[in-house]
PDB file of N, CA and C in Angstrom:
ATOM      1  N   MET A   1      14.164 -14.499 -11.755  1.00  0.00           N
ATOM      2  CA  MET A   1      12.999 -13.647 -11.588  1.00  0.00           C
ATOM      3  C   MET A   1      13.335 -12.600 -10.547  1.00  0.00           C
ATOM      4  N   LYS A   2      13.049 -11.373 -10.838  1.00  0.00           N
ATOM      5  CA  LYS A   2      13.368 -10.287  -9.921  1.00  0.00           C
ATOM      6  C   LYS A   2      12.441 -10.351  -8.706  1.00  0.00           C
ATOM      7  N   LYS A   3      12.958  -9.826  -7.586  1.00  0.00           N
ATOM      8  CA  LYS A   3      12.251  -9.899  -6.308  1.00  0.00           C
ATOM      9  C   LYS A   3      10.832  -9.322  -6.379  1.00  0.00           C
ATOM     10  N   ASN A   4      10.662  -8.142  -6.975  1.00  0.00           N
ATOM     11  CA  ASN A   4       9.325  -7.541  -7.012  1.00  0.00           C
ATOM     12  C   ASN A   4       8.379  -8.322  -7.926  1.00  0.00           C
ATOM     13  N   ILE A   5       8.921  -8.906  -9.006  1.00  0.00           N
ATOM     14  CA  ILE A   5       8.091  -9.737  -9.871  1.00  0.00           C
ATOM     15  C   ILE A   5       7.693 -11.017  -9.149  1.00  0.00           C
ATOM     16  N   GLU A   6       8.638 -11.596  -8.399  1.00  0.00           N
ATOM     17  CA  GLU A   6       8.325 -12.791  -7.600  1.00  0.00           C
ATOM     18  C   GLU A   6       7.232 -12.477  -6.603  1.00  0.00           C
ATOM     19  N   LEU A   7       7.357 -11.383  -5.898  1.00  0.00           N
ATOM     20  CA  LEU A   7       6.339 -11.022  -4.892  1.00  0.00           C
ATOM     21  C   LEU A   7       4.996 -10.815  -5.536  1.00  0.00           C
ATOM     22  N   ASP A   8       4.947 -10.137  -6.685  1.00  0.00           N
ATOM     23  CA  ASP A   8       3.672  -9.947  -7.394  1.00  0.00           C
ATOM     24  C   ASP A   8       3.064 -11.302  -7.761  1.00  0.00           C
ATOM     25  N   THR A   9       3.897 -12.220  -8.216  1.00  0.00           N
ATOM     26  CA  THR A   9       3.396 -13.551  -8.579  1.00  0.00           C
ATOM     27  C   THR A   9       2.900 -14.292  -7.364  1.00  0.00           C
ATOM     28  N   ILE A  10       3.626 -14.205  -6.253  1.00  0.00           N
ATOM     29  CA  ILE A  10       3.208 -14.855  -5.004  1.00  0.00           C
ATOM     30  C   ILE A  10       1.877 -14.281  -4.518  1.00  0.00           C
ATOM     31  N   ILE A  11       1.696 -12.983  -4.639  1.00  0.00           N
ATOM     32  CA  ILE A  11       0.417 -12.360  -4.256  1.00  0.00           C
ATOM     33  C   ILE A  11      -0.702 -12.903  -5.156  1.00  0.00           C
ATOM     34  N   ASN A  12      -0.422 -13.047  -6.443  1.00  0.00           N
ATOM     35  CA  ASN A  12      -1.416 -13.625  -7.348  1.00  0.00           C
ATOM     36  C   ASN A  12      -1.747 -15.068  -6.970  1.00  0.00           C
ATOM     37  N   ILE A  13      -0.761 -15.818  -6.525  1.00  0.00           N
ATOM     38  CA  ILE A  13      -0.980 -17.194  -6.068  1.00  0.00           C
ATOM     39  C   ILE A  13      -1.905 -17.170  -4.863  1.00  0.00           C
ATOM     40  N   ALA A  14      -1.643 -16.294  -3.918  1.00  0.00           N
ATOM     41  CA  ALA A  14      -2.483 -16.193  -2.704  1.00  0.00           C
ATOM     42  C   ALA A  14      -3.902 -15.764  -3.065  1.00  0.00           C
ATOM     43  N   GLU A  15      -4.037 -14.863  -4.029  1.00  0.00           N
ATOM     44  CA  GLU A  15      -5.394 -14.451  -4.445  1.00  0.00           C
ATOM     45  C   GLU A  15      -6.137 -15.626  -5.087  1.00  0.00           C
ATOM     46  N   ARG A  16      -5.435 -16.399  -5.903  1.00  0.00           N
ATOM     47  CA  ARG A  16      -6.081 -17.573  -6.507  1.00  0.00           C
ATOM     48  C   ARG A  16      -6.425 -18.620  -5.442  1.00  0.00           C
ATOM     49  N   ALA A  17      -5.639 -18.694  -4.392  1.00  0.00           N
ATOM     50  CA  ALA A  17      -5.890 -19.671  -3.321  1.00  0.00           C
ATOM     51  C   ALA A  17      -7.225 -19.426  -2.642  1.00  0.00           C
ATOM     52  N   LEU A  18      -7.720 -18.203  -2.713  1.00  0.00           N
ATOM     53  CA  LEU A  18      -9.044 -17.908  -2.152  1.00  0.00           C
ATOM     54  C   LEU A  18     -10.121 -18.729  -2.871  1.00  0.00           C
ATOM     55  N   ASP A  19      -9.879 -19.099  -4.124  1.00  0.00           N
ATOM     56  CA  ASP A  19     -10.833 -19.888  -4.900  1.00  0.00           C
ATOM     57  C   ASP A  19     -10.775 -21.373  -4.570  1.00  0.00           C
ATOM     58  N   VAL A  20      -9.752 -21.811  -3.849  1.00  0.00           N
ATOM     59  CA  VAL A  20      -9.646 -23.225  -3.497  1.00  0.00           C
ATOM     60  C   VAL A  20      -9.814 -23.452  -1.996  1.00  0.00           C
ATOM     61  N   GLY A  21     -10.406 -22.467  -1.330  1.00  0.00           N
ATOM     62  CA  GLY A  21     -10.784 -22.680   0.064  1.00  0.00           C
ATOM     63  C   GLY A  21     -10.016 -21.901   1.112  1.00  0.00           C
ATOM     64  N   PHE A  22      -9.003 -21.178   0.726  1.00  0.00           N
ATOM     65  CA  PHE A  22      -8.305 -20.349   1.706  1.00  0.00           C
ATOM     66  C   PHE A  22      -9.145 -19.106   2.001  1.00  0.00           C
ATOM     67  N   THR A  23      -8.940 -18.549   3.176  1.00  0.00           N
ATOM     68  CA  THR A  23      -9.739 -17.387   3.593  1.00  0.00           C
ATOM     69  C   THR A  23      -8.893 -16.134   3.570  1.00  0.00           C
ATOM     70  N   ARG A  24      -9.557 -15.009   3.611  1.00  0.00           N
ATOM     71  CA  ARG A  24      -8.839 -13.714   3.683  1.00  0.00           C
ATOM     72  C   ARG A  24      -7.965 -13.653   4.939  1.00  0.00           C
ATOM     73  N   ASP A  25      -8.392 -14.314   6.016  1.00  0.00           N
ATOM     74  CA  ASP A  25      -7.602 -14.335   7.245  1.00  0.00           C
ATOM     75  C   ASP A  25      -6.265 -15.063   7.039  1.00  0.00           C
ATOM     76  N   GLN A  26      -6.220 -15.972   6.092  1.00  0.00           N
ATOM     77  CA  GLN A  26      -5.007 -16.747   5.816  1.00  0.00           C
ATOM     78  C   GLN A  26      -4.132 -16.106   4.739  1.00  0.00           C
ATOM     79  N   PHE A  27      -4.637 -15.087   4.099  1.00  0.00           N
ATOM     80  CA  PHE A  27      -4.007 -14.500   2.915  1.00  0.00           C
ATOM     81  C   PHE A  27      -2.564 -14.081   3.151  1.00  0.00           C
ATOM     82  N   LEU A  28      -2.309 -13.250   4.142  1.00  0.00           N
ATOM     83  CA  LEU A  28      -0.975 -12.749   4.398  1.00  0.00           C
ATOM     84  C   LEU A  28      -0.034 -13.877   4.827  1.00  0.00           C
ATOM     85  N   SER A  29      -0.522 -14.784   5.662  1.00  0.00           N
ATOM     86  CA  SER A  29       0.292 -15.932   6.080  1.00  0.00           C
ATOM     87  C   SER A  29       0.688 -16.788   4.891  1.00  0.00           C
ATOM     88  N   LEU A  30      -0.242 -16.976   3.969  1.00  0.00           N
ATOM     89  CA  LEU A  30       0.049 -17.778   2.781  1.00  0.00           C
ATOM     90  C   LEU A  30       1.113 -17.114   1.930  1.00  0.00           C
ATOM     91  N   ILE A  31       1.037 -15.802   1.763  1.00  0.00           N
ATOM     92  CA  ILE A  31       2.055 -15.068   1.016  1.00  0.00           C
ATOM     93  C   ILE A  31       3.428 -15.323   1.636  1.00  0.00           C
ATOM     94  N   MET A  32       3.521 -15.182   2.950  1.00  0.00           N
ATOM     95  CA  MET A  32       4.811 -15.375   3.620  1.00  0.00           C
ATOM     96  C   MET A  32       5.280 -16.817   3.519  1.00  0.00           C
ATOM     97  N   ASP A  33       4.339 -17.774   3.669  1.00  0.00           N
ATOM     98  CA  ASP A  33       4.704 -19.179   3.581  1.00  0.00           C
ATOM     99  C   ASP A  33       5.219 -19.548   2.185  1.00  0.00           C
ATOM    100  N   VAL A  34       4.544 -19.078   1.145  1.00  0.00           N
ATOM    101  CA  VAL A  34       4.984 -19.387  -0.218  1.00  0.00           C
ATOM    102  C   VAL A  34       6.354 -18.764  -0.458  1.00  0.00           C
ATOM    103  N   GLU A  35       6.569 -17.545  -0.002  1.00  0.00           N
ATOM    104  CA  GLU A  35       7.864 -16.885  -0.191  1.00  0.00           C
ATOM    105  C   GLU A  35       8.982 -17.659   0.501  1.00  0.00           C
ATOM    106  N   ARG A  36       8.766 -18.063   1.745  1.00  0.00           N
ATOM    107  CA  ARG A  36       9.777 -18.803   2.489  1.00  0.00           C
ATOM    108  C   ARG A  36       9.989 -20.201   1.935  1.00  0.00           C
ATOM    109  N   PHE A  37       8.886 -20.872   1.564  1.00  0.00           N
ATOM    110  CA  PHE A  37       8.966 -22.199   0.976  1.00  0.00           C
ATOM    111  C   PHE A  37       9.784 -22.143  -0.315  1.00  0.00           C
ATOM    112  N   HIS A  38       9.557 -21.120  -1.117  1.00  0.00           N
ATOM    113  CA  HIS A  38      10.260 -20.932  -2.392  1.00  0.00           C
ATOM    114  C   HIS A  38      11.767 -20.789  -2.181  1.00  0.00           C
ATOM    115  N   LYS A  39      12.176 -20.241  -1.064  1.00  0.00           N
ATOM    116  CA  LYS A  39      13.606 -20.129  -0.756  1.00  0.00           C
ATOM    117  C   LYS A  39      14.210 -21.485  -0.399  1.00  0.00           C
ATOM    118  N   LEU A  40      13.400 -22.341   0.214  1.00  0.00           N
ATOM    119  CA  LEU A  40      13.874 -23.687   0.590  1.00  0.00           C
ATOM    120  C   LEU A  40      13.775 -24.682  -0.560  1.00  0.00           C
ATOM    121  N   GLN A  41      12.670 -24.611  -1.288  1.00  0.00           N
ATOM    122  CA  GLN A  41      12.434 -25.490  -2.428  1.00  0.00           C
ATOM    123  C   GLN A  41      11.982 -24.597  -3.579  1.00  0.00           C
ATOM    124  N   PRO A  42      12.912 -24.174  -4.424  1.00  0.00           N
ATOM    125  CA  PRO A  42      12.533 -23.264  -5.499  1.00  0.00           C
ATOM    126  C   PRO A  42      11.342 -23.788  -6.312  1.00  0.00           C
ATOM    127  N   LEU A  43      10.437 -22.869  -6.573  1.00  0.00           N
ATOM    128  CA  LEU A  43       9.234 -23.179  -7.328  1.00  0.00           C
ATOM    129  C   LEU A  43       9.242 -22.435  -8.660  1.00  0.00           C
ATOM    130  N   LYS A  44       8.572 -23.022  -9.621  1.00  0.00           N
ATOM    131  CA  LYS A  44       8.315 -22.321 -10.884  1.00  0.00           C
ATOM    132  C   LYS A  44       7.033 -21.513 -10.640  1.00  0.00           C
ATOM    133  N   LEU A  45       7.212 -20.340 -10.097  1.00  0.00           N
ATOM    134  CA  LEU A  45       6.070 -19.534  -9.663  1.00  0.00           C
ATOM    135  C   LEU A  45       5.119 -19.210 -10.808  1.00  0.00           C
ATOM    136  N   ASP A  46       5.662 -18.925 -11.981  1.00  0.00           N
ATOM    137  CA  ASP A  46       4.804 -18.620 -13.142  1.00  0.00           C
ATOM    138  C   ASP A  46       3.943 -19.831 -13.514  1.00  0.00           C
ATOM    139  N   GLU A  47       4.505 -21.016 -13.374  1.00  0.00           N
ATOM    140  CA  GLU A  47       3.733 -22.247 -13.670  1.00  0.00           C
ATOM    141  C   GLU A  47       2.693 -22.488 -12.586  1.00  0.00           C
ATOM    142  N   LEU A  48       3.066 -22.232 -11.340  1.00  0.00           N
ATOM    143  CA  LEU A  48       2.129 -22.457 -10.242  1.00  0.00           C
ATOM    144  C   LEU A  48       0.905 -21.560 -10.369  1.00  0.00           C
ATOM    145  N   VAL A  49       1.093 -20.301 -10.621  1.00  0.00           N
ATOM    146  CA  VAL A  49      -0.045 -19.377 -10.695  1.00  0.00           C
ATOM    147  C   VAL A  49      -0.994 -19.729 -11.848  1.00  0.00           C
ATOM    148  N   LYS A  50      -0.466 -20.393 -12.894  1.00  0.00           N
ATOM    149  CA  LYS A  50      -1.285 -20.755 -14.058  1.00  0.00           C
ATOM    150  C   LYS A  50      -1.660 -22.237 -14.088  1.00  0.00           C
ATOM    151  N   ALA A  51      -1.285 -22.978 -13.061  1.00  0.00           N
ATOM    152  CA  ALA A  51      -1.474 -24.432 -13.058  1.00  0.00           C
ATOM    153  C   ALA A  51      -2.944 -24.815 -13.087  1.00  0.00           C
ATOM    154  N   ASP A  52      -3.199 -26.032 -13.550  1.00  0.00           N
ATOM    155  CA  ASP A  52      -4.584 -26.556 -13.501  1.00  0.00           C
ATOM    156  C   ASP A  52      -5.005 -26.644 -12.037  1.00  0.00           C
ATOM    157  N   HIS A  53      -6.301 -26.781 -11.839  1.00  0.00           N
ATOM    158  CA  HIS A  53      -6.877 -26.750 -10.481  1.00  0.00           C
ATOM    159  C   HIS A  53      -6.220 -27.778  -9.551  1.00  0.00           C
ATOM    160  N   ASP A  54      -6.070 -29.013 -10.011  1.00  0.00           N
ATOM    161  CA  ASP A  54      -5.518 -30.065  -9.141  1.00  0.00           C
ATOM    162  C   ASP A  54      -4.084 -29.808  -8.743  1.00  0.00           C
ATOM    163  N   THR A  55      -3.260 -29.394  -9.704  1.00  0.00           N
ATOM    164  CA  THR A  55      -1.856 -29.091  -9.400  1.00  0.00           C
ATOM    165  C   THR A  55      -1.749 -27.896  -8.476  1.00  0.00           C
ATOM    166  N   PHE A  56      -2.543 -26.863  -8.756  1.00  0.00           N
ATOM    167  CA  PHE A  56      -2.510 -25.668  -7.923  1.00  0.00           C
ATOM    168  C   PHE A  56      -2.929 -26.015  -6.495  1.00  0.00           C
ATOM    169  N   ALA A  57      -4.040 -26.711  -6.345  1.00  0.00           N
ATOM    170  CA  ALA A  57      -4.521 -27.073  -5.014  1.00  0.00           C
ATOM    171  C   ALA A  57      -3.506 -27.953  -4.278  1.00  0.00           C
ATOM    172  N   HIS A  58      -2.930 -28.934  -4.982  1.00  0.00           N
ATOM    173  CA  HIS A  58      -1.913 -29.814  -4.381  1.00  0.00           C
ATOM    174  C   HIS A  58      -0.755 -28.995  -3.822  1.00  0.00           C
ATOM    175  N   ASP A  59      -0.226 -28.103  -4.654  1.00  0.00           N
ATOM    176  CA  ASP A  59       0.958 -27.345  -4.235  1.00  0.00           C
ATOM    177  C   ASP A  59       0.652 -26.338  -3.135  1.00  0.00           C
ATOM    178  N   VAL A  60      -0.421 -25.601  -3.256  1.00  0.00           N
ATOM    179  CA  VAL A  60      -0.728 -24.578  -2.251  1.00  0.00           C
ATOM    180  C   VAL A  60      -1.139 -25.241  -0.922  1.00  0.00           C
ATOM    181  N   ASP A  61      -1.962 -26.283  -0.968  1.00  0.00           N
ATOM    182  CA  ASP A  61      -2.312 -27.007   0.249  1.00  0.00           C
ATOM    183  C   ASP A  61      -1.069 -27.653   0.866  1.00  0.00           C
ATOM    184  N   GLY A  62      -0.212 -28.196   0.012  1.00  0.00           N
ATOM    185  CA  GLY A  62       1.010 -28.822   0.493  1.00  0.00           C
ATOM    186  C   GLY A  62       1.938 -27.829   1.172  1.00  0.00           C
ATOM    187  N   ILE A  63       2.085 -26.673   0.574  1.00  0.00           N
ATOM    188  CA  ILE A  63       2.909 -25.628   1.182  1.00  0.00           C
ATOM    189  C   ILE A  63       2.322 -25.243   2.529  1.00  0.00           C
ATOM    190  N   TRP A  64       1.024 -25.041   2.577  1.00  0.00           N
ATOM    191  CA  TRP A  64       0.341 -24.638   3.822  1.00  0.00           C
ATOM    192  C   TRP A  64       0.506 -25.728   4.886  1.00  0.00           C
ATOM    193  N   SER A  65       0.417 -26.981   4.505  1.00  0.00           N
ATOM    194  CA  SER A  65       0.459 -28.087   5.459  1.00  0.00           C
ATOM    195  C   SER A  65       1.881 -28.523   5.835  1.00  0.00           C
ATOM    196  N   HIS A  66       2.843 -28.356   4.950  1.00  0.00           N
ATOM    197  CA  HIS A  66       4.165 -28.941   5.161  1.00  0.00           C
ATOM    198  C   HIS A  66       5.266 -27.921   5.411  1.00  0.00           C
ATOM    199  N   TYR A  67       4.933 -26.648   5.391  1.00  0.00           N
ATOM    200  CA  TYR A  67       5.964 -25.665   5.745  1.00  0.00           C
ATOM    201  C   TYR A  67       5.862 -25.398   7.241  1.00  0.00           C
ATOM    202  N   ASP A  68       6.952 -25.696   7.943  1.00  0.00           N
ATOM    203  CA  ASP A  68       7.027 -25.491   9.398  1.00  0.00           C
ATOM    204  C   ASP A  68       7.639 -24.118   9.658  1.00  0.00           C
ATOM    205  N   ARG A  69       6.812 -23.181  10.093  1.00  0.00           N
ATOM    206  CA  ARG A  69       7.288 -21.816  10.325  1.00  0.00           C
ATOM    207  C   ARG A  69       8.317 -21.732  11.451  1.00  0.00           C
ATOM    208  N   GLN A  70       8.130 -22.548  12.478  1.00  0.00           N
ATOM    209  CA  GLN A  70       9.032 -22.533  13.635  1.00  0.00           C
ATOM    210  C   GLN A  70      10.440 -22.967  13.249  1.00  0.00           C
ATOM    211  N   ALA A  71      10.524 -24.031  12.467  1.00  0.00           N
ATOM    212  CA  ALA A  71      11.818 -24.593  12.085  1.00  0.00           C
ATOM    213  C   ALA A  71      12.323 -24.065  10.743  1.00  0.00           C
ATOM    214  N   ASN A  72      11.498 -23.323  10.038  1.00  0.00           N
ATOM    215  CA  ASN A  72      11.806 -22.878   8.681  1.00  0.00           C
ATOM    216  C   ASN A  72      12.242 -24.064   7.838  1.00  0.00           C
ATOM    217  N   ALA A  73      11.389 -25.079   7.818  1.00  0.00           N
ATOM    218  CA  ALA A  73      11.707 -26.323   7.122  1.00  0.00           C
ATOM    219  C   ALA A  73      10.454 -26.917   6.486  1.00  0.00           C
ATOM    220  N   ILE A  74      10.687 -27.769   5.505  1.00  0.00           N
ATOM    221  CA  ILE A  74       9.606 -28.497   4.847  1.00  0.00           C
ATOM    222  C   ILE A  74       9.507 -29.851   5.523  1.00  0.00           C
ATOM    223  N   THR A  75       8.310 -30.226   5.917  1.00  0.00           N
ATOM    224  CA  THR A  75       8.121 -31.501   6.621  1.00  0.00           C
ATOM    225  C   THR A  75       7.441 -32.516   5.695  1.00  0.00           C
ATOM    226  N   GLY A  76       7.496 -33.769   6.084  1.00  0.00           N
ATOM    227  CA  GLY A  76       6.768 -34.817   5.397  1.00  0.00           C
ATOM    228  C   GLY A  76       7.245 -35.120   4.002  1.00  0.00           C
ATOM    229  N   CYS A  77       8.475 -34.768   3.679  1.00  0.00           N
ATOM    230  CA  CYS A  77       9.042 -35.043   2.332  1.00  0.00           C
ATOM    231  C   CYS A  77       8.182 -34.497   1.216  1.00  0.00           C
ATOM    232  N   PHE A  78       7.493 -33.386   1.449  1.00  0.00           N
ATOM    233  CA  PHE A  78       6.620 -32.807   0.429  1.00  0.00           C
ATOM    234  C   PHE A  78       7.438 -32.266  -0.725  1.00  0.00           C
ATOM    235  N   LEU A  79       6.994 -32.581  -1.939  1.00  0.00           N
ATOM    236  CA  LEU A  79       7.583 -32.037  -3.160  1.00  0.00           C
ATOM    237  C   LEU A  79       6.479 -31.435  -4.002  1.00  0.00           C
ATOM    238  N   ALA A  80       6.580 -30.141  -4.216  1.00  0.00           N
ATOM    239  CA  ALA A  80       5.587 -29.461  -5.033  1.00  0.00           C
ATOM    240  C   ALA A  80       5.676 -29.956  -6.483  1.00  0.00           C
ATOM    241  N   ARG A  81       4.548 -30.058  -7.129  1.00  0.00           N
ATOM    242  CA  ARG A  81       4.534 -30.453  -8.552  1.00  0.00           C
ATOM    243  C   ARG A  81       5.199 -29.401  -9.423  1.00  0.00           C
ATOM    244  N   THR A  82       5.186 -28.153  -8.967  1.00  0.00           N
ATOM    245  CA  THR A  82       5.807 -27.079  -9.722  1.00  0.00           C
ATOM    246  C   THR A  82       7.193 -26.719  -9.209  1.00  0.00           C
ATOM    247  N   ALA A  83       7.834 -27.660  -8.534  1.00  0.00           N
ATOM    248  CA  ALA A  83       9.201 -27.424  -8.053  1.00  0.00           C
ATOM    249  C   ALA A  83      10.119 -27.188  -9.250  1.00  0.00           C
ATOM    250  N   ALA A  84      11.066 -26.298  -9.050  1.00  0.00           N
ATOM    251  CA  ALA A  84      12.009 -25.974 -10.140  1.00  0.00           C
ATOM    252  C   ALA A  84      13.074 -27.077 -10.259  1.00  0.00           C
TER     253      ALA A  84
END
């Protein structure tokens, strides 16, 4: 997936996250977190953006909760359901 297409998809993921409880204040941080998480644990971004509610909420909440920005690492052995 090309970089600009990936970024567009990640932005769409962040926009959909607003429907599962994320706020506009978290929007940019979530975009950055998903992008960095994807580099550590490749995601099927196209599947994530179209996932059912439970899978989408699991993965986005998991990324938000288990991505450590300071260490640039995934904590708690989290595995996204849409991992590649």
